[in-house]
Amino acid sequence: MIRIQKSVYSPPERSDGKRVLVMTLWPRGISKDKVDVWLKDLGTPRELIRRYKSGEIKWPEFRKEYQESLKGKEEVLRRLALESKKGTITLLCTEKDPSACHRSILKEAIESFL
């Protein structure tokens, strides 16, 4: 199972399973013990997040460009898909709303390997 409902600032719970930070930069105020693994290569490219947060691009374009950024990372996505079959993984970043976050796109990409 892949969960995306929590931000990295949410307190860890046993039901989170493996907590996977998927951000390019380490978030401020978060200690290393709050996540199990940091996959910074699956984070949003810095320029893309800047363009989206500034309003320069809308969600559909952000989605398309983020999906493009995942090309060449199929092995990592496949490994996460296999781990999600064995147990829960929770994808984390600082965004609280998963519907407006790259985690929702990433979850779909991982699930495409199931």
PDB file of N, CA and C in Angstrom:
ATOM      1  N   MET A   1       0.831  -1.170   0.000  1.00  0.00           N
ATOM      2  CA  MET A   1       0.000   0.000   0.000  1.00  0.00           C
ATOM      3  C   MET A   1       0.884   1.245   0.000  1.00  0.00           C
ATOM      4  N   ILE A   2       0.469   2.245  -0.760  1.00  0.00           N
ATOM      5  CA  ILE A   2       1.196   3.509  -0.824  1.00  0.00           C
ATOM      6  C   ILE A   2       0.295   4.595  -0.259  1.00  0.00           C
ATOM      7  N   ARG A   3       0.792   5.299   0.745  1.00  0.00           N
ATOM      8  CA  ARG A   3       0.034   6.380   1.364  1.00  0.00           C
ATOM      9  C   ARG A   3       0.697   7.715   1.062  1.00  0.00           C
ATOM     10  N   ILE A   4      -0.138   8.751   0.875  1.00  0.00           N
ATOM     11  CA  ILE A   4       0.388  10.089   0.605  1.00  0.00           C
ATOM     12  C   ILE A   4      -0.310  11.156   1.449  1.00  0.00           C
ATOM     13  N   GLN A   5      -1.130  10.758   2.410  1.00  0.00           N
ATOM     14  CA  GLN A   5      -1.958  11.695   3.153  1.00  0.00           C
ATOM     15  C   GLN A   5      -1.204  12.536   4.176  1.00  0.00           C
ATOM     16  N   LYS A   6       0.010  12.192   4.489  1.00  0.00           N
ATOM     17  CA  LYS A   6       0.749  12.896   5.535  1.00  0.00           C
ATOM     18  C   LYS A   6       1.858  13.770   4.964  1.00  0.00           C
ATOM     19  N   SER A   7       2.163  14.831   5.712  1.00  0.00           N
ATOM     20  CA  SER A   7       3.351  15.612   5.388  1.00  0.00           C
ATOM     21  C   SER A   7       4.488  15.110   6.280  1.00  0.00           C
ATOM     22  N   VAL A   8       5.682  15.507   5.971  1.00  0.00           N
ATOM     23  CA  VAL A   8       6.839  15.088   6.760  1.00  0.00           C
ATOM     24  C   VAL A   8       6.755  15.655   8.175  1.00  0.00           C
ATOM     25  N   TYR A   9       5.934  16.701   8.371  1.00  0.00           N
ATOM     26  CA  TYR A   9       5.773  17.293   9.694  1.00  0.00           C
ATOM     27  C   TYR A   9       4.758  16.541  10.550  1.00  0.00           C
ATOM     28  N   SER A  10       4.023  15.602   9.959  1.00  0.00           N
ATOM     29  CA  SER A  10       3.090  14.778  10.721  1.00  0.00           C
ATOM     30  C   SER A  10       3.885  13.810  11.587  1.00  0.00           C
ATOM     31  N   PRO A  11       3.444  13.605  12.816  1.00  0.00           N
ATOM     32  CA  PRO A  11       4.183  12.676  13.671  1.00  0.00           C
ATOM     33  C   PRO A  11       4.165  11.252  13.112  1.00  0.00           C
ATOM     34  N   PRO A  12       5.281  10.556  13.208  1.00  0.00           N
ATOM     35  CA  PRO A  12       5.334   9.166  12.728  1.00  0.00           C
ATOM     36  C   PRO A  12       4.361   8.287  13.518  1.00  0.00           C
ATOM     37  N   GLU A  13       3.750   7.362  12.800  1.00  0.00           N
ATOM     38  CA  GLU A  13       2.873   6.368  13.416  1.00  0.00           C
ATOM     39  C   GLU A  13       3.248   5.002  12.864  1.00  0.00           C
ATOM     40  N   ARG A  14       2.970   3.985  13.615  1.00  0.00           N
ATOM     41  CA  ARG A  14       3.287   2.623  13.188  1.00  0.00           C
ATOM     42  C   ARG A  14       2.614   2.301  11.848  1.00  0.00           C
ATOM     43  N   SER A  15       1.388   2.824  11.646  1.00  0.00           N
ATOM     44  CA  SER A  15       0.639   2.537  10.413  1.00  0.00           C
ATOM     45  C   SER A  15       1.277   3.152   9.167  1.00  0.00           C
ATOM     46  N   ASP A  16       2.260   4.057   9.337  1.00  0.00           N
ATOM     47  CA  ASP A  16       2.955   4.663   8.194  1.00  0.00           C
ATOM     48  C   ASP A  16       3.791   3.636   7.442  1.00  0.00           C
ATOM     49  N   GLY A  17       4.192   2.589   8.117  1.00  0.00           N
ATOM     50  CA  GLY A  17       5.111   1.649   7.492  1.00  0.00           C
ATOM     51  C   GLY A  17       6.447   2.349   7.267  1.00  0.00           C
ATOM     52  N   LYS A  18       6.987   2.196   6.082  1.00  0.00           N
ATOM     53  CA  LYS A  18       8.261   2.829   5.731  1.00  0.00           C
ATOM     54  C   LYS A  18       7.997   4.278   5.306  1.00  0.00           C
ATOM     55  N   ARG A  19       8.588   5.228   6.015  1.00  0.00           N
ATOM     56  CA  ARG A  19       8.415   6.655   5.718  1.00  0.00           C
ATOM     57  C   ARG A  19       9.503   7.085   4.731  1.00  0.00           C
ATOM     58  N   VAL A  20       9.065   7.500   3.531  1.00  0.00           N
ATOM     59  CA  VAL A  20       9.986   7.818   2.442  1.00  0.00           C
ATOM     60  C   VAL A  20       9.873   9.308   2.102  1.00  0.00           C
ATOM     61  N   LEU A  21      10.928  10.052   2.369  1.00  0.00           N
ATOM     62  CA  LEU A  21      10.963  11.474   2.038  1.00  0.00           C
ATOM     63  C   LEU A  21      11.304  11.614   0.562  1.00  0.00           C
ATOM     64  N   VAL A  22      10.438  12.313  -0.184  1.00  0.00           N
ATOM     65  CA  VAL A  22      10.631  12.472  -1.628  1.00  0.00           C
ATOM     66  C   VAL A  22      10.706  13.961  -1.963  1.00  0.00           C
ATOM     67  N   MET A  23      11.750  14.598  -1.451  1.00  0.00           N
ATOM     68  CA  MET A  23      12.008  16.017  -1.687  1.00  0.00           C
ATOM     69  C   MET A  23      13.457  16.185  -2.119  1.00  0.00           C
ATOM     70  N   THR A  24      13.679  17.167  -2.964  1.00  0.00           N
ATOM     71  CA  THR A  24      15.029  17.453  -3.435  1.00  0.00           C
ATOM     72  C   THR A  24      15.905  17.991  -2.310  1.00  0.00           C
ATOM     73  N   LEU A  25      15.336  18.852  -1.481  1.00  0.00           N
ATOM     74  CA  LEU A  25      16.067  19.441  -0.356  1.00  0.00           C
ATOM     75  C   LEU A  25      15.502  18.912   0.954  1.00  0.00           C
ATOM     76  N   TRP A  26      16.367  18.750   1.936  1.00  0.00           N
ATOM     77  CA  TRP A  26      15.914  18.295   3.246  1.00  0.00           C
ATOM     78  C   TRP A  26      15.099  19.411   3.897  1.00  0.00           C
ATOM     79  N   PRO A  27      13.919  19.088   4.449  1.00  0.00           N
ATOM     80  CA  PRO A  27      13.065  20.120   5.051  1.00  0.00           C
ATOM     81  C   PRO A  27      13.611  20.637   6.381  1.00  0.00           C
ATOM     82  N   ARG A  28      13.408  21.911   6.610  1.00  0.00           N
ATOM     83  CA  ARG A  28      13.880  22.538   7.844  1.00  0.00           C
ATOM     84  C   ARG A  28      13.154  21.969   9.054  1.00  0.00           C
ATOM     85  N   GLY A  29      13.896  21.796  10.114  1.00  0.00           N
ATOM     86  CA  GLY A  29      13.321  21.385  11.378  1.00  0.00           C
ATOM     87  C   GLY A  29      12.992  19.906  11.491  1.00  0.00           C
ATOM     88  N   ILE A  30      13.357  19.118  10.510  1.00  0.00           N
ATOM     89  CA  ILE A  30      13.054  17.682  10.546  1.00  0.00           C
ATOM     90  C   ILE A  30      14.333  16.913  10.858  1.00  0.00           C
ATOM     91  N   SER A  31      14.275  16.122  11.910  1.00  0.00           N
ATOM     92  CA  SER A  31      15.435  15.301  12.259  1.00  0.00           C
ATOM     93  C   SER A  31      15.422  14.018  11.426  1.00  0.00           C
ATOM     94  N   LYS A  32      16.586  13.469  11.270  1.00  0.00           N
ATOM     95  CA  LYS A  32      16.760  12.281  10.426  1.00  0.00           C
ATOM     96  C   LYS A  32      15.923  11.090  10.891  1.00  0.00           C
ATOM     97  N   ASP A  33      15.591  11.032  12.167  1.00  0.00           N
ATOM     98  CA  ASP A  33      14.829   9.891  12.675  1.00  0.00           C
ATOM     99  C   ASP A  33      13.332   9.953  12.329  1.00  0.00           C
ATOM    100  N   LYS A  34      12.884  11.001  11.667  1.00  0.00           N
ATOM    101  CA  LYS A  34      11.475  11.125  11.279  1.00  0.00           C
ATOM    102  C   LYS A  34      11.163  10.430   9.959  1.00  0.00           C
ATOM    103  N   VAL A  35      12.220  10.007   9.234  1.00  0.00           N
ATOM    104  CA  VAL A  35      12.024   9.293   7.967  1.00  0.00           C
ATOM    105  C   VAL A  35      12.927   8.061   7.948  1.00  0.00           C
ATOM    106  N   ASP A  36      12.529   7.090   7.153  1.00  0.00           N
ATOM    107  CA  ASP A  36      13.344   5.877   7.020  1.00  0.00           C
ATOM    108  C   ASP A  36      14.329   5.972   5.873  1.00  0.00           C
ATOM    109  N   VAL A  37      13.927   6.664   4.818  1.00  0.00           N
ATOM    110  CA  VAL A  37      14.802   6.796   3.652  1.00  0.00           C
ATOM    111  C   VAL A  37      14.479   8.120   2.950  1.00  0.00           C
ATOM    112  N   TRP A  38      15.523   8.729   2.380  1.00  0.00           N
ATOM    113  CA  TRP A  38      15.374   9.978   1.641  1.00  0.00           C
ATOM    114  C   TRP A  38      15.724   9.688   0.191  1.00  0.00           C
ATOM    115  N   LEU A  39      14.724   9.814  -0.690  1.00  0.00           N
ATOM    116  CA  LEU A  39      14.942   9.626  -2.130  1.00  0.00           C
ATOM    117  C   LEU A  39      14.823  10.983  -2.806  1.00  0.00           C
ATOM    118  N   LYS A  40      15.888  11.773  -2.701  1.00  0.00           N
ATOM    119  CA  LYS A  40      15.833  13.148  -3.204  1.00  0.00           C
ATOM    120  C   LYS A  40      15.687  13.213  -4.718  1.00  0.00           C
ATOM    121  N   ASP A  41      16.094  12.176  -5.423  1.00  0.00           N
ATOM    122  CA  ASP A  41      15.954  12.179  -6.882  1.00  0.00           C
ATOM    123  C   ASP A  41      14.499  12.090  -7.330  1.00  0.00           C
ATOM    124  N   LEU A  42      13.594  11.725  -6.423  1.00  0.00           N
ATOM    125  CA  LEU A  42      12.173  11.664  -6.763  1.00  0.00           C
ATOM    126  C   LEU A  42      11.445  12.950  -6.382  1.00  0.00           C
ATOM    127  N   GLY A  43      12.176  13.899  -5.817  1.00  0.00           N
ATOM    128  CA  GLY A  43      11.590  15.189  -5.482  1.00  0.00           C
ATOM    129  C   GLY A  43      11.355  16.016  -6.731  1.00  0.00           C
ATOM    130  N   THR A  44      10.590  17.067  -6.566  1.00  0.00           N
ATOM    131  CA  THR A  44      10.329  17.977  -7.675  1.00  0.00           C
ATOM    132  C   THR A  44      11.595  18.765  -7.990  1.00  0.00           C
ATOM    133  N   PRO A  45      12.001  18.829  -9.263  1.00  0.00           N
ATOM    134  CA  PRO A  45      13.154  19.661  -9.605  1.00  0.00           C
ATOM    135  C   PRO A  45      12.934  21.101  -9.126  1.00  0.00           C
ATOM    136  N   ARG A  46      13.964  21.704  -8.598  1.00  0.00           N
ATOM    137  CA  ARG A  46      13.853  23.035  -7.975  1.00  0.00           C
ATOM    138  C   ARG A  46      13.221  24.078  -8.892  1.00  0.00           C
ATOM    139  N   GLU A  47      13.632  24.110 -10.138  1.00  0.00           N
ATOM    140  CA  GLU A  47      13.094  25.101 -11.076  1.00  0.00           C
ATOM    141  C   GLU A  47      11.607  24.854 -11.335  1.00  0.00           C
ATOM    142  N   LEU A  48      11.209  23.606 -11.413  1.00  0.00           N
ATOM    143  CA  LEU A  48       9.807  23.279 -11.662  1.00  0.00           C
ATOM    144  C   LEU A  48       8.934  23.709 -10.484  1.00  0.00           C
ATOM    145  N   ILE A  49       9.365  23.449  -9.276  1.00  0.00           N
ATOM    146  CA  ILE A  49       8.562  23.845  -8.116  1.00  0.00           C
ATOM    147  C   ILE A  49       8.503  25.368  -8.009  1.00  0.00           C
ATOM    148  N   ARG A  50       9.583  26.050  -8.360  1.00  0.00           N
ATOM    149  CA  ARG A  50       9.584  27.518  -8.339  1.00  0.00           C
ATOM    150  C   ARG A  50       8.554  28.058  -9.311  1.00  0.00           C
ATOM    151  N   ARG A  51       8.538  27.505 -10.527  1.00  0.00           N
ATOM    152  CA  ARG A  51       7.595  27.977 -11.553  1.00  0.00           C
ATOM    153  C   ARG A  51       6.148  27.713 -11.140  1.00  0.00           C
ATOM    154  N   TYR A  52       5.903  26.571 -10.508  1.00  0.00           N
ATOM    155  CA  TYR A  52       4.544  26.237 -10.088  1.00  0.00           C
ATOM    156  C   TYR A  52       4.089  27.123  -8.923  1.00  0.00           C
ATOM    157  N   LYS A  53       4.925  27.265  -7.918  1.00  0.00           N
ATOM    158  CA  LYS A  53       4.558  28.062  -6.736  1.00  0.00           C
ATOM    159  C   LYS A  53       4.394  29.543  -7.069  1.00  0.00           C
ATOM    160  N   SER A  54       5.110  30.018  -8.082  1.00  0.00           N
ATOM    161  CA  SER A  54       4.990  31.429  -8.472  1.00  0.00           C
ATOM    162  C   SER A  54       3.775  31.673  -9.361  1.00  0.00           C
ATOM    163  N   GLY A  55       3.113  30.612  -9.809  1.00  0.00           N
ATOM    164  CA  GLY A  55       1.947  30.754 -10.668  1.00  0.00           C
ATOM    165  C   GLY A  55       2.283  30.826 -12.151  1.00  0.00           C
ATOM    166  N   GLU A  56       3.548  30.657 -12.469  1.00  0.00           N
ATOM    167  CA  GLU A  56       3.991  30.711 -13.867  1.00  0.00           C
ATOM    168  C   GLU A  56       3.382  29.566 -14.683  1.00  0.00           C
ATOM    169  N   ILE A  57       3.219  28.418 -14.047  1.00  0.00           N
ATOM    170  CA  ILE A  57       2.575  27.281 -14.710  1.00  0.00           C
ATOM    171  C   ILE A  57       1.454  26.761 -13.815  1.00  0.00           C
ATOM    172  N   LYS A  58       0.506  26.090 -14.412  1.00  0.00           N
ATOM    173  CA  LYS A  58      -0.628  25.505 -13.693  1.00  0.00           C
ATOM    174  C   LYS A  58      -0.378  24.012 -13.485  1.00  0.00           C
ATOM    175  N   TRP A  59      -1.276  23.380 -12.732  1.00  0.00           N
ATOM    176  CA  TRP A  59      -1.127  21.964 -12.388  1.00  0.00           C
ATOM    177  C   TRP A  59      -0.927  21.048 -13.590  1.00  0.00           C
ATOM    178  N   PRO A  60      -1.711  21.173 -14.676  1.00  0.00           N
ATOM    179  CA  PRO A  60      -1.507  20.232 -15.802  1.00  0.00           C
ATOM    180  C   PRO A  60      -0.078  20.263 -16.362  1.00  0.00           C
ATOM    181  N   GLU A  61       0.485  21.456 -16.482  1.00  0.00           N
ATOM    182  CA  GLU A  61       1.856  21.547 -16.991  1.00  0.00           C
ATOM    183  C   GLU A  61       2.855  21.036 -15.945  1.00  0.00           C
ATOM    184  N   PHE A  62       2.612  21.383 -14.682  1.00  0.00           N
ATOM    185  CA  PHE A  62       3.463  20.862 -13.615  1.00  0.00           C
ATOM    186  C   PHE A  62       3.475  19.338 -13.661  1.00  0.00           C
ATOM    187  N   ARG A  63       2.298  18.749 -13.758  1.00  0.00           N
ATOM    188  CA  ARG A  63       2.146  17.290 -13.790  1.00  0.00           C
ATOM    189  C   ARG A  63       2.964  16.680 -14.932  1.00  0.00           C
ATOM    190  N   LYS A  64       2.812  17.258 -16.113  1.00  0.00           N
ATOM    191  CA  LYS A  64       3.515  16.753 -17.302  1.00  0.00           C
ATOM    192  C   LYS A  64       5.034  16.843 -17.115  1.00  0.00           C
ATOM    193  N   GLU A  65       5.502  17.978 -16.622  1.00  0.00           N
ATOM    194  CA  GLU A  65       6.948  18.159 -16.460  1.00  0.00           C
ATOM    195  C   GLU A  65       7.508  17.278 -15.341  1.00  0.00           C
ATOM    196  N   TYR A  66       6.734  17.098 -14.281  1.00  0.00           N
ATOM    197  CA  TYR A  66       7.208  16.218 -13.212  1.00  0.00           C
ATOM    198  C   TYR A  66       7.286  14.782 -13.717  1.00  0.00           C
ATOM    199  N   GLN A  67       6.286  14.348 -14.468  1.00  0.00           N
ATOM    200  CA  GLN A  67       6.324  13.003 -15.047  1.00  0.00           C
ATOM    201  C   GLN A  67       7.561  12.840 -15.922  1.00  0.00           C
ATOM    202  N   GLU A  68       7.895  13.859 -16.682  1.00  0.00           N
ATOM    203  CA  GLU A  68       9.110  13.821 -17.517  1.00  0.00           C
ATOM    204  C   GLU A  68      10.361  13.669 -16.645  1.00  0.00           C
ATOM    205  N   SER A  69      10.355  14.332 -15.484  1.00  0.00           N
ATOM    206  CA  SER A  69      11.524  14.268 -14.604  1.00  0.00           C
ATOM    207  C   SER A  69      11.733  12.870 -14.028  1.00  0.00           C
ATOM    208  N   LEU A  70      10.701  12.024 -14.081  1.00  0.00           N
ATOM    209  CA  LEU A  70      10.805  10.664 -13.551  1.00  0.00           C
ATOM    210  C   LEU A  70      11.397   9.680 -14.560  1.00  0.00           C
ATOM    211  N   LYS A  71      11.539  10.110 -15.811  1.00  0.00           N
ATOM    212  CA  LYS A  71      12.133   9.224 -16.814  1.00  0.00           C
ATOM    213  C   LYS A  71      13.576   8.912 -16.423  1.00  0.00           C
ATOM    214  N   GLY A  72      13.938   7.651 -16.539  1.00  0.00           N
ATOM    215  CA  GLY A  72      15.269   7.199 -16.143  1.00  0.00           C
ATOM    216  C   GLY A  72      15.339   6.752 -14.690  1.00  0.00           C
ATOM    217  N   LYS A  73      14.227   6.885 -13.983  1.00  0.00           N
ATOM    218  CA  LYS A  73      14.189   6.498 -12.569  1.00  0.00           C
ATOM    219  C   LYS A  73      13.282   5.284 -12.357  1.00  0.00           C
ATOM    220  N   GLU A  74      13.057   4.542 -13.430  1.00  0.00           N
ATOM    221  CA  GLU A  74      12.140   3.400 -13.384  1.00  0.00           C
ATOM    222  C   GLU A  74      12.562   2.329 -12.376  1.00  0.00           C
ATOM    223  N   GLU A  75      13.859   2.131 -12.215  1.00  0.00           N
ATOM    224  CA  GLU A  75      14.315   1.099 -11.278  1.00  0.00           C
ATOM    225  C   GLU A  75      13.921   1.440  -9.842  1.00  0.00           C
ATOM    226  N   VAL A  76      14.058   2.692  -9.471  1.00  0.00           N
ATOM    227  CA  VAL A  76      13.660   3.124  -8.121  1.00  0.00           C
ATOM    228  C   VAL A  76      12.150   2.990  -7.964  1.00  0.00           C
ATOM    229  N   LEU A  77      11.400   3.383  -8.984  1.00  0.00           N
ATOM    230  CA  LEU A  77       9.939   3.273  -8.936  1.00  0.00           C
ATOM    231  C   LEU A  77       9.518   1.812  -8.822  1.00  0.00           C
ATOM    232  N   ARG A  78      10.165   0.948  -9.552  1.00  0.00           N
ATOM    233  CA  ARG A  78       9.861  -0.483  -9.513  1.00  0.00           C
ATOM    234  C   ARG A  78      10.153  -1.051  -8.119  1.00  0.00           C
ATOM    235  N   ARG A  79      11.255  -0.643  -7.538  1.00  0.00           N
ATOM    236  CA  ARG A  79      11.627  -1.115  -6.197  1.00  0.00           C
ATOM    237  C   ARG A  79      10.593  -0.664  -5.158  1.00  0.00           C
ATOM    238  N   LEU A  80      10.125   0.580  -5.282  1.00  0.00           N
ATOM    239  CA  LEU A  80       9.090   1.067  -4.367  1.00  0.00           C
ATOM    240  C   LEU A  80       7.785   0.301  -4.561  1.00  0.00           C
ATOM    241  N   ALA A  81       7.461  -0.017  -5.799  1.00  0.00           N
ATOM    242  CA  ALA A  81       6.249  -0.791  -6.080  1.00  0.00           C
ATOM    243  C   ALA A  81       6.336  -2.155  -5.395  1.00  0.00           C
ATOM    244  N   LEU A  82       7.488  -2.806  -5.484  1.00  0.00           N
ATOM    245  CA  LEU A  82       7.664  -4.102  -4.837  1.00  0.00           C
ATOM    246  C   LEU A  82       7.558  -3.981  -3.315  1.00  0.00           C
ATOM    247  N   GLU A  83       8.151  -2.933  -2.764  1.00  0.00           N
ATOM    248  CA  GLU A  83       8.066  -2.724  -1.317  1.00  0.00           C
ATOM    249  C   GLU A  83       6.624  -2.480  -0.887  1.00  0.00           C
ATOM    250  N   SER A  84       5.855  -1.775  -1.724  1.00  0.00           N
ATOM    251  CA  SER A  84       4.462  -1.476  -1.372  1.00  0.00           C
ATOM    252  C   SER A  84       3.588  -2.732  -1.407  1.00  0.00           C
ATOM    253  N   LYS A  85       4.020  -3.749  -2.138  1.00  0.00           N
ATOM    254  CA  LYS A  85       3.300  -5.023  -2.137  1.00  0.00           C
ATOM    255  C   LYS A  85       3.516  -5.761  -0.822  1.00  0.00           C
ATOM    256  N   LYS A  86       4.683  -5.585  -0.235  1.00  0.00           N
ATOM    257  CA  LYS A  86       5.036  -6.278   1.002  1.00  0.00           C
ATOM    258  C   LYS A  86       4.505  -5.576   2.242  1.00  0.00           C
ATOM    259  N   GLY A  87       4.344  -4.267   2.156  1.00  0.00           N
ATOM    260  CA  GLY A  87       3.903  -3.491   3.318  1.00  0.00           C
ATOM    261  C   GLY A  87       3.622  -2.059   2.920  1.00  0.00           C
ATOM    262  N   THR A  88       3.235  -1.268   3.878  1.00  0.00           N
ATOM    263  CA  THR A  88       2.884   0.127   3.632  1.00  0.00           C
ATOM    264  C   THR A  88       4.133   0.983   3.482  1.00  0.00           C
ATOM    265  N   ILE A  89       4.090   1.883   2.502  1.00  0.00           N
ATOM    266  CA  ILE A  89       5.087   2.945   2.411  1.00  0.00           C
ATOM    267  C   ILE A  89       4.320   4.264   2.387  1.00  0.00           C
ATOM    268  N   THR A  90       4.860   5.249   3.063  1.00  0.00           N
ATOM    269  CA  THR A  90       4.246   6.567   3.104  1.00  0.00           C
ATOM    270  C   THR A  90       5.207   7.558   2.462  1.00  0.00           C
ATOM    271  N   LEU A  91       4.752   8.191   1.383  1.00  0.00           N
ATOM    272  CA  LEU A  91       5.556   9.193   0.680  1.00  0.00           C
ATOM    273  C   LEU A  91       5.355  10.532   1.383  1.00  0.00           C
ATOM    274  N   LEU A  92       6.460  11.205   1.695  1.00  0.00           N
ATOM    275  CA  LEU A  92       6.399  12.429   2.481  1.00  0.00           C
ATOM    276  C   LEU A  92       7.084  13.603   1.799  1.00  0.00           C
ATOM    277  N   CYS A  93       6.505  14.783   1.969  1.00  0.00           N
ATOM    278  CA  CYS A  93       7.153  16.051   1.651  1.00  0.00           C
ATOM    279  C   CYS A  93       6.519  17.093   2.569  1.00  0.00           C
ATOM    280  N   THR A  94       6.765  18.364   2.347  1.00  0.00           N
ATOM    281  CA  THR A  94       6.250  19.393   3.250  1.00  0.00           C
ATOM    282  C   THR A  94       4.813  19.803   2.942  1.00  0.00           C
ATOM    283  N   GLU A  95       4.338  19.539   1.750  1.00  0.00           N
ATOM    284  CA  GLU A  95       2.970  19.909   1.354  1.00  0.00           C
ATOM    285  C   GLU A  95       1.957  19.097   2.148  1.00  0.00           C
ATOM    286  N   LYS A  96       0.972  19.784   2.717  1.00  0.00           N
ATOM    287  CA  LYS A  96      -0.043  19.092   3.515  1.00  0.00           C
ATOM    288  C   LYS A  96      -1.167  18.520   2.666  1.00  0.00           C
ATOM    289  N   ASP A  97      -1.476  19.149   1.540  1.00  0.00           N
ATOM    290  CA  ASP A  97      -2.564  18.700   0.674  1.00  0.00           C
ATOM    291  C   ASP A  97      -2.002  17.804  -0.419  1.00  0.00           C
ATOM    292  N   PRO A  98      -2.235  16.485  -0.329  1.00  0.00           N
ATOM    293  CA  PRO A  98      -1.648  15.578  -1.323  1.00  0.00           C
ATOM    294  C   PRO A  98      -2.191  15.764  -2.732  1.00  0.00           C
ATOM    295  N   SER A  99      -3.372  16.370  -2.876  1.00  0.00           N
ATOM    296  CA  SER A  99      -3.921  16.561  -4.222  1.00  0.00           C
ATOM    297  C   SER A  99      -3.198  17.672  -4.980  1.00  0.00           C
ATOM    298  N   ALA A 100      -2.489  18.531  -4.256  1.00  0.00           N
ATOM    299  CA  ALA A 100      -1.735  19.616  -4.887  1.00  0.00           C
ATOM    300  C   ALA A 100      -0.244  19.387  -4.713  1.00  0.00           C
ATOM    301  N   CYS A 101       0.150  18.127  -4.765  1.00  0.00           N
ATOM    302  CA  CYS A 101       1.533  17.762  -4.473  1.00  0.00           C
ATOM    303  C   CYS A 101       2.040  16.722  -5.467  1.00  0.00           C
ATOM    304  N   HIS A 102       3.327  16.745  -5.712  1.00  0.00           N
ATOM    305  CA  HIS A 102       3.928  15.770  -6.621  1.00  0.00           C
ATOM    306  C   HIS A 102       3.767  14.343  -6.117  1.00  0.00           C
ATOM    307  N   ARG A 103       3.488  14.153  -4.819  1.00  0.00           N
ATOM    308  CA  ARG A 103       3.316  12.796  -4.284  1.00  0.00           C
ATOM    309  C   ARG A 103       2.173  12.059  -4.966  1.00  0.00           C
ATOM    310  N   SER A 104       1.107  12.774  -5.338  1.00  0.00           N
ATOM    311  CA  SER A 104      -0.015  12.101  -6.009  1.00  0.00           C
ATOM    312  C   SER A 104       0.414  11.584  -7.377  1.00  0.00           C
ATOM    313  N   ILE A 105       1.242  12.335  -8.060  1.00  0.00           N
ATOM    314  CA  ILE A 105       1.759  11.928  -9.370  1.00  0.00           C
ATOM    315  C   ILE A 105       2.751  10.777  -9.197  1.00  0.00           C
ATOM    316  N   LEU A 106       3.592  10.901  -8.186  1.00  0.00           N
ATOM    317  CA  LEU A 106       4.583   9.872  -7.907  1.00  0.00           C
ATOM    318  C   LEU A 106       3.903   8.553  -7.540  1.00  0.00           C
ATOM    319  N   LYS A 107       2.855   8.627  -6.754  1.00  0.00           N
ATOM    320  CA  LYS A 107       2.121   7.417  -6.376  1.00  0.00           C
ATOM    321  C   LYS A 107       1.603   6.706  -7.634  1.00  0.00           C
ATOM    322  N   GLU A 108       1.041   7.453  -8.559  1.00  0.00           N
ATOM    323  CA  GLU A 108       0.549   6.854  -9.815  1.00  0.00           C
ATOM    324  C   GLU A 108       1.688   6.203 -10.581  1.00  0.00           C
ATOM    325  N   ALA A 109       2.838   6.872 -10.627  1.00  0.00           N
ATOM    326  CA  ALA A 109       3.987   6.326 -11.353  1.00  0.00           C
ATOM    327  C   ALA A 109       4.463   5.019 -10.713  1.00  0.00           C
ATOM    328  N   ILE A 110       4.496   4.986  -9.403  1.00  0.00           N
ATOM    329  CA  ILE A 110       4.917   3.755  -8.708  1.00  0.00           C
ATOM    330  C   ILE A 110       3.905   2.655  -8.971  1.00  0.00           C
ATOM    331  N   GLU A 111       2.620   2.979  -8.859  1.00  0.00           N
ATOM    332  CA  GLU A 111       1.565   1.977  -9.051  1.00  0.00           C
ATOM    333  C   GLU A 111       1.521   1.425 -10.468  1.00  0.00           C
ATOM    334  N   SER A 112       2.088   2.145 -11.427  1.00  0.00           N
ATOM    335  CA  SER A 112       2.107   1.634 -12.791  1.00  0.00           C
ATOM    336  C   SER A 112       2.996   0.396 -12.915  1.00  0.00           C
ATOM    337  N   PHE A 113       3.841   0.142 -11.893  1.00  0.00           N
ATOM    338  CA  PHE A 113       4.705  -1.041 -11.904  1.00  0.00           C
ATOM    339  C   PHE A 113       4.100  -2.224 -11.154  1.00  0.00           C
ATOM    340  N   LEU A 114       2.904  -2.045 -10.620  1.00  0.00           N
ATOM    341  CA  LEU A 114       2.246  -3.141  -9.880  1.00  0.00           C
ATOM    342  C   LEU A 114       1.526  -4.078 -10.823  1.00  0.00           C
TER     343      LEU A 114
END
